[in-house]
Amino acid sequence: MFEKIDAIPWKVLILIGVVLLAIGLLVGIKFINFILVFAGFFLIFTGVQNRKK
């Protein structure tokens, strides 16, 4: 799973992460949206890590 994520360019990862975060925060905080926000943070973090490589 992580190998596939590493293959995606970091700019795209951060962009997708920001979009997921925005959707999760706009809709309101429920359990599913919490997962969206968490996934968004995870993608942004992974993108930043990939950029540093």
N, C-alpha and C. Protein backbone atom coordinates (compact mmCIF):
# COMPACT_ATOMS: atom_id res chain seq x y z
N MET A 1 0.84 -1.20 0.00
CA MET A 1 0.00 0.00 0.00
C MET A 1 0.87 1.25 0.00
N PHE A 2 1.88 1.30 0.85
CA PHE A 2 2.71 2.49 0.95
C PHE A 2 3.56 2.68 -0.30
N GLU A 3 3.91 1.57 -0.98
CA GLU A 3 4.70 1.69 -2.21
C GLU A 3 3.90 2.44 -3.27
N LYS A 4 2.60 2.14 -3.34
CA LYS A 4 1.74 2.81 -4.32
C LYS A 4 1.64 4.30 -4.01
N ILE A 5 1.53 4.63 -2.72
CA ILE A 5 1.43 6.04 -2.33
C ILE A 5 2.73 6.76 -2.65
N ASP A 6 3.87 6.10 -2.44
CA ASP A 6 5.17 6.73 -2.71
C ASP A 6 5.36 7.01 -4.20
N ALA A 7 4.66 6.25 -5.06
CA ALA A 7 4.81 6.44 -6.51
C ALA A 7 4.11 7.71 -6.99
N ILE A 8 3.15 8.21 -6.20
CA ILE A 8 2.40 9.42 -6.58
C ILE A 8 3.27 10.65 -6.28
N PRO A 9 3.34 11.61 -7.21
CA PRO A 9 4.12 12.84 -6.96
C PRO A 9 3.62 13.55 -5.70
N TRP A 10 4.55 14.16 -4.96
CA TRP A 10 4.18 14.76 -3.67
C TRP A 10 3.22 15.93 -3.83
N LYS A 11 3.31 16.68 -4.93
CA LYS A 11 2.38 17.81 -5.12
C LYS A 11 0.95 17.30 -5.23
N VAL A 12 0.76 16.18 -5.93
CA VAL A 12 -0.57 15.60 -6.08
C VAL A 12 -1.08 15.10 -4.73
N LEU A 13 -0.20 14.46 -3.95
CA LEU A 13 -0.58 13.97 -2.63
C LEU A 13 -1.08 15.10 -1.74
N ILE A 14 -0.32 16.20 -1.72
CA ILE A 14 -0.69 17.34 -0.87
C ILE A 14 -2.01 17.94 -1.35
N LEU A 15 -2.18 18.03 -2.68
CA LEU A 15 -3.42 18.58 -3.24
C LEU A 15 -4.62 17.73 -2.83
N ILE A 16 -4.51 16.41 -3.00
CA ILE A 16 -5.61 15.51 -2.62
C ILE A 16 -5.88 15.61 -1.12
N GLY A 17 -4.80 15.69 -0.33
CA GLY A 17 -4.95 15.82 1.12
C GLY A 17 -5.71 17.07 1.51
N VAL A 18 -5.38 18.19 0.86
CA VAL A 18 -6.07 19.46 1.16
C VAL A 18 -7.54 19.37 0.78
N VAL A 19 -7.83 18.75 -0.37
CA VAL A 19 -9.22 18.61 -0.82
C VAL A 19 -10.01 17.75 0.18
N LEU A 20 -9.44 16.62 0.59
CA LEU A 20 -10.12 15.74 1.56
C LEU A 20 -10.36 16.48 2.87
N LEU A 21 -9.35 17.23 3.30
CA LEU A 21 -9.46 17.98 4.54
C LEU A 21 -10.58 19.01 4.45
N ALA A 22 -10.62 19.73 3.32
CA ALA A 22 -11.64 20.76 3.13
C ALA A 22 -13.04 20.15 3.12
N ILE A 23 -13.21 19.04 2.40
CA ILE A 23 -14.52 18.37 2.35
C ILE A 23 -14.92 17.93 3.76
N GLY A 24 -13.99 17.30 4.47
CA GLY A 24 -14.28 16.81 5.82
C GLY A 24 -14.68 17.93 6.77
N LEU A 25 -14.01 19.08 6.66
CA LEU A 25 -14.30 20.19 7.57
C LEU A 25 -15.56 20.95 7.17
N LEU A 26 -15.84 21.03 5.85
CA LEU A 26 -17.01 21.78 5.40
C LEU A 26 -18.31 21.06 5.74
N VAL A 27 -18.31 19.73 5.60
CA VAL A 27 -19.54 18.97 5.81
C VAL A 27 -19.91 18.93 7.29
N GLY A 28 -18.92 19.03 8.16
CA GLY A 28 -19.19 18.96 9.59
C GLY A 28 -18.50 17.75 10.17
N ILE A 29 -18.31 17.74 11.47
CA ILE A 29 -17.54 16.67 12.08
C ILE A 29 -18.47 15.52 12.48
N LYS A 30 -18.45 14.48 11.69
CA LYS A 30 -19.10 13.22 12.03
C LYS A 30 -18.03 12.15 11.86
N PHE A 31 -18.38 10.90 12.09
CA PHE A 31 -17.34 9.86 12.08
C PHE A 31 -16.70 9.72 10.70
N ILE A 32 -17.53 9.70 9.64
CA ILE A 32 -17.00 9.54 8.28
C ILE A 32 -16.12 10.74 7.93
N ASN A 33 -16.54 11.93 8.32
CA ASN A 33 -15.76 13.12 8.03
C ASN A 33 -14.46 13.12 8.81
N PHE A 34 -14.47 12.55 10.00
CA PHE A 34 -13.24 12.42 10.77
C PHE A 34 -12.23 11.58 10.01
N ILE A 35 -12.73 10.50 9.36
CA ILE A 35 -11.85 9.65 8.54
C ILE A 35 -11.30 10.47 7.37
N LEU A 36 -12.15 11.28 6.73
CA LEU A 36 -11.70 12.13 5.61
C LEU A 36 -10.61 13.09 6.07
N VAL A 37 -10.82 13.74 7.19
CA VAL A 37 -9.83 14.70 7.71
C VAL A 37 -8.52 13.97 8.04
N PHE A 38 -8.65 12.80 8.67
CA PHE A 38 -7.45 12.02 9.00
C PHE A 38 -6.70 11.61 7.74
N ALA A 39 -7.44 11.16 6.72
CA ALA A 39 -6.82 10.76 5.45
C ALA A 39 -6.15 11.97 4.80
N GLY A 40 -6.79 13.13 4.89
CA GLY A 40 -6.21 14.35 4.33
C GLY A 40 -4.89 14.70 5.01
N PHE A 41 -4.88 14.67 6.33
CA PHE A 41 -3.64 14.95 7.06
C PHE A 41 -2.56 13.93 6.70
N PHE A 42 -2.96 12.65 6.59
CA PHE A 42 -2.01 11.59 6.27
C PHE A 42 -1.38 11.82 4.90
N LEU A 43 -2.21 12.19 3.91
CA LEU A 43 -1.70 12.42 2.55
C LEU A 43 -0.78 13.63 2.51
N ILE A 44 -1.14 14.70 3.22
CA ILE A 44 -0.29 15.89 3.25
C ILE A 44 1.05 15.54 3.90
N PHE A 45 1.00 14.82 5.02
CA PHE A 45 2.22 14.42 5.71
C PHE A 45 3.11 13.56 4.82
N THR A 46 2.48 12.58 4.13
CA THR A 46 3.23 11.70 3.23
C THR A 46 3.84 12.50 2.09
N GLY A 47 3.08 13.46 1.56
CA GLY A 47 3.58 14.30 0.47
C GLY A 47 4.78 15.11 0.90
N VAL A 48 4.73 15.67 2.11
CA VAL A 48 5.86 16.45 2.63
C VAL A 48 7.07 15.54 2.83
N GLN A 49 6.85 14.33 3.34
CA GLN A 49 7.95 13.38 3.53
C GLN A 49 8.58 13.02 2.19
N ASN A 50 7.76 12.79 1.16
CA ASN A 50 8.27 12.44 -0.17
C ASN A 50 9.06 13.59 -0.77
N ARG A 51 8.63 14.82 -0.50
CA ARG A 51 9.31 15.98 -1.05
C ARG A 51 10.73 16.08 -0.49
N LYS A 52 10.90 15.69 0.77
CA LYS A 52 12.21 15.80 1.42
C LYS A 52 13.20 14.76 0.91
N LYS A 53 12.68 13.68 0.29
CA LYS A 53 13.58 12.61 -0.19
C LYS A 53 14.45 13.10 -1.32
